[in-house]
Protein backbone atom coordinates (compact mmCIF):
# COMPACT_ATOMS: atom_id res chain seq x y z
CA MET A 1 0.00 0.00 0.00
CA ARG A 2 2.82 2.42 0.93
CA ASN A 3 4.46 1.72 -2.48
CA ILE A 4 1.21 2.54 -4.28
CA ILE A 5 0.86 5.82 -2.38
CA SER A 6 4.43 6.73 -3.29
CA ILE A 7 3.80 5.97 -6.96
CA LEU A 8 0.63 8.06 -6.98
CA LEU A 9 2.43 10.95 -5.29
CA SER A 10 5.14 10.82 -7.94
CA VAL A 11 2.56 10.83 -10.69
CA THR A 12 0.81 13.81 -9.06
CA LEU A 13 4.04 15.77 -9.02
CA LEU A 14 4.77 14.77 -12.62
CA THR A 15 1.34 15.79 -13.89
CA ALA A 16 1.60 19.12 -12.07
CA GLY A 17 4.76 19.82 -14.04
CA VAL A 18 3.13 18.76 -17.28
CA THR A 19 0.23 21.11 -16.50
CA ALA A 20 2.58 24.06 -16.24
CA MET A 21 4.21 23.15 -19.56
CA ALA A 22 0.83 22.73 -21.24
CA ALA A 23 -0.29 26.11 -19.96
CA SER A 24 2.88 27.80 -21.23
CA SER A 25 2.48 26.23 -24.66
CA GLY A 26 -1.15 27.29 -24.85
CA LYS A 27 -2.38 23.68 -25.16
CA MET A 28 -4.91 22.79 -22.46
CA PHE A 29 -7.50 20.08 -21.88
CA ASP A 30 -11.05 20.55 -20.63
CA GLU A 31 -11.16 23.17 -17.87
CA PRO A 32 -11.03 21.38 -14.47
CA LYS A 33 -13.49 22.02 -11.68
CA SER A 34 -13.29 21.36 -7.97
CA PRO A 35 -13.26 17.62 -7.07
CA HIS A 36 -16.54 16.03 -6.08
CA TYR A 37 -14.79 14.08 -3.29
CA LEU A 38 -11.95 14.65 -0.87
CA SER A 39 -10.27 11.77 0.94
CA ALA A 40 -8.70 10.82 4.25
CA THR A 41 -6.20 7.96 4.47
CA GLY A 42 -4.94 6.32 7.65
CA THR A 43 -4.44 3.23 9.75
CA VAL A 44 -7.49 1.92 11.58
CA VAL A 45 -7.25 2.31 15.35
CA SER A 46 -10.74 1.13 16.30
CA VAL A 47 -14.17 0.30 14.86
CA GLN A 48 -17.26 1.06 16.95
CA GLU A 49 -21.01 1.04 16.42
CA CYS A 50 -22.64 4.46 16.47
CA GLU A 51 -25.14 4.68 19.31
CA GLU A 52 -27.09 7.50 17.63
CA GLN A 53 -27.54 5.77 14.24
CA GLU A 54 -28.30 2.05 14.05
CA GLY A 55 -26.22 0.30 11.40
CA THR A 56 -23.60 3.06 11.33
CA LEU A 57 -19.94 2.46 12.21
CA LEU A 58 -17.38 4.94 13.50
CA VAL A 59 -13.90 4.08 12.24
CA SER A 60 -11.06 5.87 14.03
CA ILE A 61 -7.90 6.31 11.95
CA THR A 62 -4.54 8.07 12.21
CA ASP A 63 -2.60 9.24 9.19
CA GLU A 64 1.14 8.73 8.68
CA ASP A 65 1.83 11.96 10.61
CA GLY A 66 -0.18 10.75 13.60
CA ASN A 67 -3.20 13.01 12.97
CA PRO A 68 -6.52 11.39 14.01
CA ALA A 69 -9.84 11.37 12.15
CA THR A 70 -13.13 9.48 12.26
CA LEU A 71 -14.77 7.93 9.21
CA VAL A 72 -18.55 7.44 9.46
CA ILE A 73 -19.60 4.30 7.60
CA THR A 74 -23.30 4.05 6.69
CA ASP A 75 -25.44 1.60 4.74
CA ARG A 76 -24.79 3.77 1.67
CA THR A 77 -21.00 3.59 1.87
CA ALA A 78 -19.58 1.80 -1.19
CA PHE A 79 -16.71 -0.68 -0.84
CA PRO A 80 -14.79 -1.23 -4.10
CA PHE A 81 -12.72 -4.07 -2.55
CA GLU A 82 -13.13 -5.56 0.93
CA ASN A 83 -15.88 -4.48 3.32
CA GLY A 84 -14.30 -5.98 6.43
CA ILE A 85 -12.39 -3.47 8.55
CA ALA A 86 -10.09 -4.23 11.46
CA ALA A 87 -7.53 -2.41 13.57
CA GLY A 88 -4.24 -2.10 11.71
CA ASP A 89 -5.80 -1.90 8.24
CA VAL A 90 -4.84 1.02 6.02
CA VAL A 91 -8.01 2.56 4.55
CA THR A 92 -9.06 5.58 2.53
CA GLY A 93 -12.44 7.23 2.99
CA TYR A 94 -13.85 9.47 0.25
CA TYR A 95 -16.33 12.12 1.38
CA LEU A 96 -18.22 14.90 -0.41
CA ALA A 97 -15.91 17.87 -0.89
CA ASP A 98 -18.59 20.44 -0.16
CA ALA A 99 -20.40 18.66 2.67
CA PRO A 100 -20.89 20.76 5.84
CA MET A 101 -17.97 20.26 8.24
CA ILE A 102 -18.76 19.58 11.88
CA LEU A 103 -16.65 21.57 14.34
CA ILE A 104 -15.40 18.54 16.23
CA TRP A 105 -12.04 17.01 17.06
CA PRO A 106 -10.92 14.63 15.71
CA PRO A 107 -12.51 15.66 12.39
CA GLN A 108 -15.36 13.45 11.29
CA TYR A 109 -16.14 12.55 7.68
CA THR A 110 -19.12 10.63 6.31
CA ALA A 111 -17.55 8.18 3.89
CA ALA A 112 -19.39 7.76 0.59
CA ILE A 113 -16.65 5.29 -0.38
CA LEU A 114 -14.27 3.25 1.76
CA VAL A 115 -11.21 1.70 0.13
CA ALA A 116 -9.85 -1.22 2.16
CA GLY A 117 -7.78 -4.15 1.00
CA GLN A 118 -6.59 -2.37 -2.14
CA PRO A 119 -4.65 -4.87 -4.31
CA GLU A 120 -1.06 -4.00 -5.14
CA GLY A 121 -0.67 -2.55 -8.63
CA MET A 122 -4.17 -1.04 -8.68
CA ALA A 123 -5.13 2.57 -8.08
CA VAL A 124 -8.50 4.16 -7.29
CA ALA A 125 -10.14 7.44 -8.29
CA ALA A 126 -13.56 8.65 -7.13
CA ASP A 127 -15.26 11.63 -8.75
CA ARG A 128 -17.88 12.66 -11.28
CA PHE A 129 -16.78 11.91 -14.82
CA TYR A 130 -17.68 13.51 -18.15
CA THR A 131 -16.72 12.76 -21.74
CA MET A 132 -13.73 14.89 -22.72
CA ASP A 133 -14.29 17.53 -25.38
CA SER A 134 -10.72 17.12 -26.57
CA ASN A 135 -10.76 13.31 -26.77
CA GLN A 136 -14.12 11.55 -26.94
CA ASP A 137 -12.51 8.18 -26.13
CA PHE A 138 -11.81 9.31 -22.55
CA MET A 139 -13.93 10.38 -19.59
CA LEU A 140 -12.47 13.17 -17.46
CA SER A 141 -12.87 13.50 -13.72
CA GLN A 142 -14.55 16.65 -12.45
CA SER A 143 -11.27 17.58 -10.75
CA GLY A 144 -9.43 17.30 -14.07
CA GLN A 145 -6.84 14.93 -12.56
CA LEU A 146 -7.69 11.66 -14.35
CA ALA A 147 -9.04 10.67 -17.74
CA PHE A 148 -9.97 7.03 -18.25
CA ARG A 149 -11.10 4.92 -21.15
CA THR A 150 -12.75 1.50 -21.18
CA ASP A 151 -12.07 -1.55 -23.33
CA GLU A 152 -13.62 -4.99 -23.77
CA ASN A 153 -12.08 -6.14 -20.47
CA THR A 154 -13.44 -3.27 -18.34
CA GLU A 155 -16.10 -4.34 -15.84
CA ILE A 156 -18.84 -1.74 -15.34
CA VAL A 157 -21.22 -2.39 -12.45
CA LEU A 158 -23.54 -0.63 -10.02
CA ALA A 159 -22.63 -0.38 -6.34
CA ASN A 160 -24.67 -3.53 -5.63
CA GLY A 161 -22.70 -5.51 -8.22
CA ASP A 162 -25.34 -5.53 -10.97
CA ASP A 163 -23.99 -5.26 -14.51
CA PHE A 164 -24.18 -1.73 -15.95
CA SER A 165 -22.15 -2.21 -19.13
CA ASP A 166 -25.06 -0.97 -21.25
CA GLY A 167 -25.93 1.94 -18.97
CA ASP A 168 -25.25 5.64 -19.45
CA ILE A 169 -22.34 6.69 -17.22
CA GLU A 170 -22.10 10.29 -18.45
CA GLY A 171 -22.09 12.71 -15.50
CA ARG A 172 -22.22 9.95 -12.90
CA ARG A 173 -20.39 9.63 -9.62
CA MET A 174 -18.06 6.68 -10.08
CA ILE A 175 -15.25 4.70 -8.54
CA VAL A 176 -12.64 3.97 -11.19
CA ILE A 177 -10.12 1.20 -10.55
CA TYR A 178 -7.19 1.28 -12.93
CA GLY A 179 -3.64 0.04 -13.45
CA PRO A 180 -0.64 1.69 -15.12
CA PHE A 181 -1.13 5.03 -16.85
CA VAL A 182 -1.45 5.05 -20.62
CA THR A 183 0.58 8.25 -20.90
CA ALA A 184 2.43 10.62 -18.58
CA SER A 185 0.25 13.54 -19.65
CA TYR A 186 -2.14 15.96 -18.05
CA PRO A 187 -4.62 14.80 -17.18
CA ALA A 188 -3.14 11.38 -16.43
CA GLN A 189 -4.74 8.81 -18.76
CA ALA A 190 -5.46 5.19 -17.91
CA THR A 191 -7.57 2.23 -18.98
CA ALA A 192 -10.14 1.28 -16.36
CA ILE A 193 -10.06 -2.23 -14.96
CA LYS A 194 -13.38 -1.75 -13.20
CA VAL A 195 -15.92 1.08 -12.96
CA ILE A 196 -18.42 1.17 -10.09
CA VAL A 197 -21.37 3.49 -10.73
CA LEU A 198 -22.78 4.95 -7.50
CA TYR A 199 -26.49 5.38 -6.83
CA GLU A 200 -28.07 8.61 -8.10
CA ASP A 201 -29.43 10.17 -11.25
CA PRO A 202 -26.81 11.38 -13.73
CA VAL A 203 -26.07 15.10 -13.41
CA PRO A 204 -25.20 16.97 -16.63
CA LEU A 205 -22.58 19.70 -16.46
CA SER A 206 -25.38 22.20 -17.02
CA MET A 207 -28.65 21.00 -15.51
CA GLU A 208 -31.47 23.46 -16.00
CA ILE A 209 -35.17 22.65 -16.34
CA THR A 210 -37.47 25.11 -18.10
CA PRO A 211 -41.25 24.96 -18.56
CA ASP A 212 -40.61 23.52 -22.03
CA THR A 213 -38.71 20.58 -20.54
CA PHE A 214 -41.14 19.57 -17.79
CA PRO A 215 -41.74 15.81 -17.82
CA GLU A 216 -44.45 14.79 -20.25
CA ASN A 217 -47.92 14.89 -18.68
CA ALA A 218 -46.65 16.97 -15.75
CA ILE A 219 -49.14 19.23 -13.95
CA ASP A 220 -48.06 22.84 -13.44
CA ALA A 221 -50.03 23.25 -10.22
CA SER A 222 -50.34 26.85 -11.39
CA GLY A 223 -52.22 29.02 -8.96
CA TRP A 224 -51.96 26.60 -6.05
CA PRO A 225 -51.49 28.84 -2.99
CA ILE A 226 -48.54 27.97 -0.74
CA ILE A 227 -49.36 28.66 2.89
CA VAL A 228 -46.56 28.64 5.45
CA ASN A 229 -47.41 28.96 9.14
CA GLY A 230 -50.83 30.32 8.24
CA ASP A 231 -49.67 32.95 5.73
CA GLU A 232 -49.86 32.67 1.96
CA ILE A 233 -46.42 33.45 0.58
CA ASP A 234 -45.35 35.00 -2.71
CA ALA A 235 -43.58 32.17 -4.50
CA PRO A 236 -43.17 30.55 -7.93
CA ASP A 237 -45.80 27.97 -8.83
CA ALA A 238 -45.32 24.40 -7.69
CA PHE A 239 -45.55 21.58 -10.22
CA GLN A 240 -46.00 17.82 -10.28
CA THR A 241 -43.68 15.42 -12.07
CA GLU A 242 -44.97 12.64 -14.26
CA ASP A 243 -44.74 10.17 -11.37
CA GLY A 244 -46.88 12.46 -9.19
CA THR A 245 -44.14 14.01 -7.04
CA LEU A 246 -45.09 17.54 -5.99
CA MET A 247 -42.12 19.91 -6.38
CA VAL A 248 -42.22 23.17 -4.43
CA PRO A 249 -39.98 26.29 -4.44
CA LEU A 250 -37.37 25.95 -1.71
CA ARG A 251 -36.13 29.45 -0.88
CA ALA A 252 -39.48 31.17 -0.45
CA ILE A 253 -40.70 28.47 1.93
CA VAL A 254 -37.62 27.99 4.08
CA GLU A 255 -37.01 31.71 4.47
CA LYS A 256 -40.56 32.02 5.80
CA LEU A 257 -39.66 29.20 8.21
CA GLY A 258 -36.69 31.27 9.42
CA TYR A 259 -33.75 29.64 7.62
CA ASP A 260 -30.86 31.50 6.02
CA VAL A 261 -30.35 30.25 2.46
CA ASN A 262 -26.99 30.21 0.67
CA TRP A 263 -26.48 29.13 -2.97
CA ASP A 264 -23.07 27.93 -4.23
CA SER A 265 -22.99 28.20 -8.02
CA ALA A 266 -19.64 26.36 -8.29
CA THR A 267 -20.99 23.18 -6.68
CA ARG A 268 -24.66 23.81 -7.54
CA SER A 269 -25.62 23.30 -3.93
CA VAL A 270 -27.86 24.94 -1.33
CA ARG A 271 -27.11 25.34 2.37
CA LEU A 272 -29.88 26.03 4.88
CA GLY A 273 -28.59 27.52 8.10
CA VAL A 274 -25.28 25.93 9.08
CA ALA A 275 -26.16 22.24 9.06
CA ILE A 276 -28.39 21.33 6.08
CA HIS A 277 -26.80 20.84 2.66
CA LEU A 278 -28.36 19.62 -0.60
CA TRP A 279 -27.21 19.46 -4.20
CA ILE A 280 -28.98 19.92 -7.53
CA GLY A 281 -29.54 16.53 -9.14
CA ASN A 282 -28.67 14.56 -6.00
CA THR A 283 -31.21 12.90 -3.71
CA GLU A 284 -28.70 12.84 -0.84
CA VAL A 285 -29.11 15.50 1.88
CA HIS A 286 -26.65 16.11 4.73
CA VAL A 287 -27.97 17.27 8.09
CA GLY A 288 -25.45 17.99 10.83
CA ARG A 289 -23.88 14.89 12.32
CA ARG A 290 -26.56 12.53 11.07
CA ALA A 291 -25.89 9.99 8.36
CA PRO A 292 -26.88 11.30 4.90
CA GLN A 293 -30.62 11.15 4.19
CA ASN A 294 -32.39 10.65 0.88
CA ILE A 295 -35.41 12.47 -0.46
CA SER A 296 -37.73 10.99 -3.07
CA THR A 297 -36.68 13.24 -5.96
CA ALA A 298 -33.49 15.23 -6.54
CA PRO A 299 -33.71 19.04 -6.38
CA VAL A 300 -33.98 20.76 -9.76
CA ILE A 301 -33.73 24.32 -11.05
CA VAL A 302 -36.66 25.86 -12.90
CA ASN A 303 -36.29 29.43 -14.15
CA ALA A 304 -33.48 30.14 -11.65
CA THR A 305 -35.52 28.73 -8.73
CA THR A 306 -34.59 25.57 -6.82
CA PHE A 307 -37.46 23.13 -6.36
CA VAL A 308 -37.54 20.20 -3.93
CA PRO A 309 -40.14 17.48 -3.32
CA LEU A 310 -42.68 18.27 -0.62
CA ASP A 311 -41.41 15.30 1.40
CA PHE A 312 -38.16 17.25 1.96
CA PHE A 313 -40.00 19.24 4.64
CA ARG A 314 -41.44 16.15 6.31
CA ASN A 315 -38.37 13.90 6.19
CA VAL A 316 -35.50 16.39 6.46
CA LEU A 317 -36.94 19.33 8.40
CA ASP A 318 -39.16 17.07 10.53
CA LEU A 319 -42.35 18.95 9.69
CA PRO A 320 -45.23 16.46 9.51
CA ASN A 321 -47.55 19.34 8.57
CA ALA A 322 -46.30 19.62 5.00
CA ILE A 323 -49.24 18.49 2.91
CA ALA A 324 -51.12 19.26 -0.27
CA PHE A 325 -54.90 18.99 -0.51
CA GLU A 326 -57.78 20.58 -2.39
CA GLY A 327 -55.47 22.52 -4.71
CA ARG A 328 -53.38 24.13 -1.99
CA ILE A 329 -50.07 23.46 -0.24
CA GLU A 330 -49.72 23.97 3.50
CA ILE A 331 -46.54 23.81 5.57
CA ASP A 332 -46.77 24.49 9.28
CA SER A 333 -44.05 24.36 11.93
CA THR A 334 -46.09 25.66 14.82
CA GLY A 335 -49.27 23.64 15.26
CA GLU A 336 -50.35 20.08 15.94
CA ARG A 337 -50.22 17.42 13.27
CA MET A 338 -52.82 18.09 10.56
CA GLU A 339 -54.98 15.23 9.37
C-alpha cells in the first residue's frame, strides 16, 4: 500500500509539471473544476457502532503523521474491494468535498466510499466523470486529474454488483479502478479495470429545467397557494412530475420558516442555516452529524428557482404538517399534526 501511495504521489508531481508546460504552450485540456470528493487515508485504530444511528460504524484512523480522524460508515458507503475493517488496516475514505464540516475534534467525515484491501498494482479514483471535449474516447474526472477509457475487459457495475455495461455513465459519480497510466500527460490517462457506478441520477454539467422541458404529462399546479405557518407566501408555482411528485420552491418556503439560504454556483448546492446541505440533481441531503438522508426526488432548477419534493419538509426538516390537498399546499411548523 505504501508503495502505491508513493507511486501516486510521484505521478501527481509529474502531472503538475506537465500542466505548467501545457499552460505555457497554450495547449490545455477541458477546464477542471473542484473535485466532487476529498479523501482521508490512515491506519485503523478502532471500529465502533454508532449509538445514535443504528447500522452506522465509527472508524477511528490516524494518518502517517499521527493526525486522528473518524470515518462514518453508513449503509450507503460503497466498498470497491473488501468491506471488512479491522484495527491495523490502512483505509481511505472518500467524502463529499462540499459537505458541511462539523466543528469537532478529531474531524469526522461521512464516507461515501471506503477503500480497504486495495490490491497492489491497482489505483483508485472517485469523482464525477464527463466525456472529454478534446478526446471523446476518454472520460475526465470533475477535478481534471484523471481521464480514463474503457475496453472490452473493463467491468462496469452498479454499487450492488449488478452489470451496468449498457448503462449511461455520463455525468455519474463513479469509482474507477485502474492500473498503469497510458501516458504521462495531463490529465493522467489510464484504462479502467473496473468502474463502479454509484447510486443517483446522472447530473449533466449544465442542468437546468425550463417549462418547455417539464416531464411529459406533468401538472403545473399553477395558482396553487402555498401557505406557510398560516400565511400565503409570494412564491413561484409548484408543479408535479410525471410520477406524481409535488415539487415546491425551496427558498421562499424555508425563508418564511426562518432559515438562512446560501447558494453555491460552483458546486450547484444549497445550504440552509449551518447544518443542512443539498445538491442539484442529487437525492442525498446532509444534516449535521446525522448519516446522509435521501429524499424521493433530486432538487432541480426551474427558471433560476430551486425546487424540492414536498417530502423534503417532512423527512429532512421534521415537519409532519407539510401536505397538499384541495389545490393548496400547506406547511406548518407551529401547530399540531394536521390530518
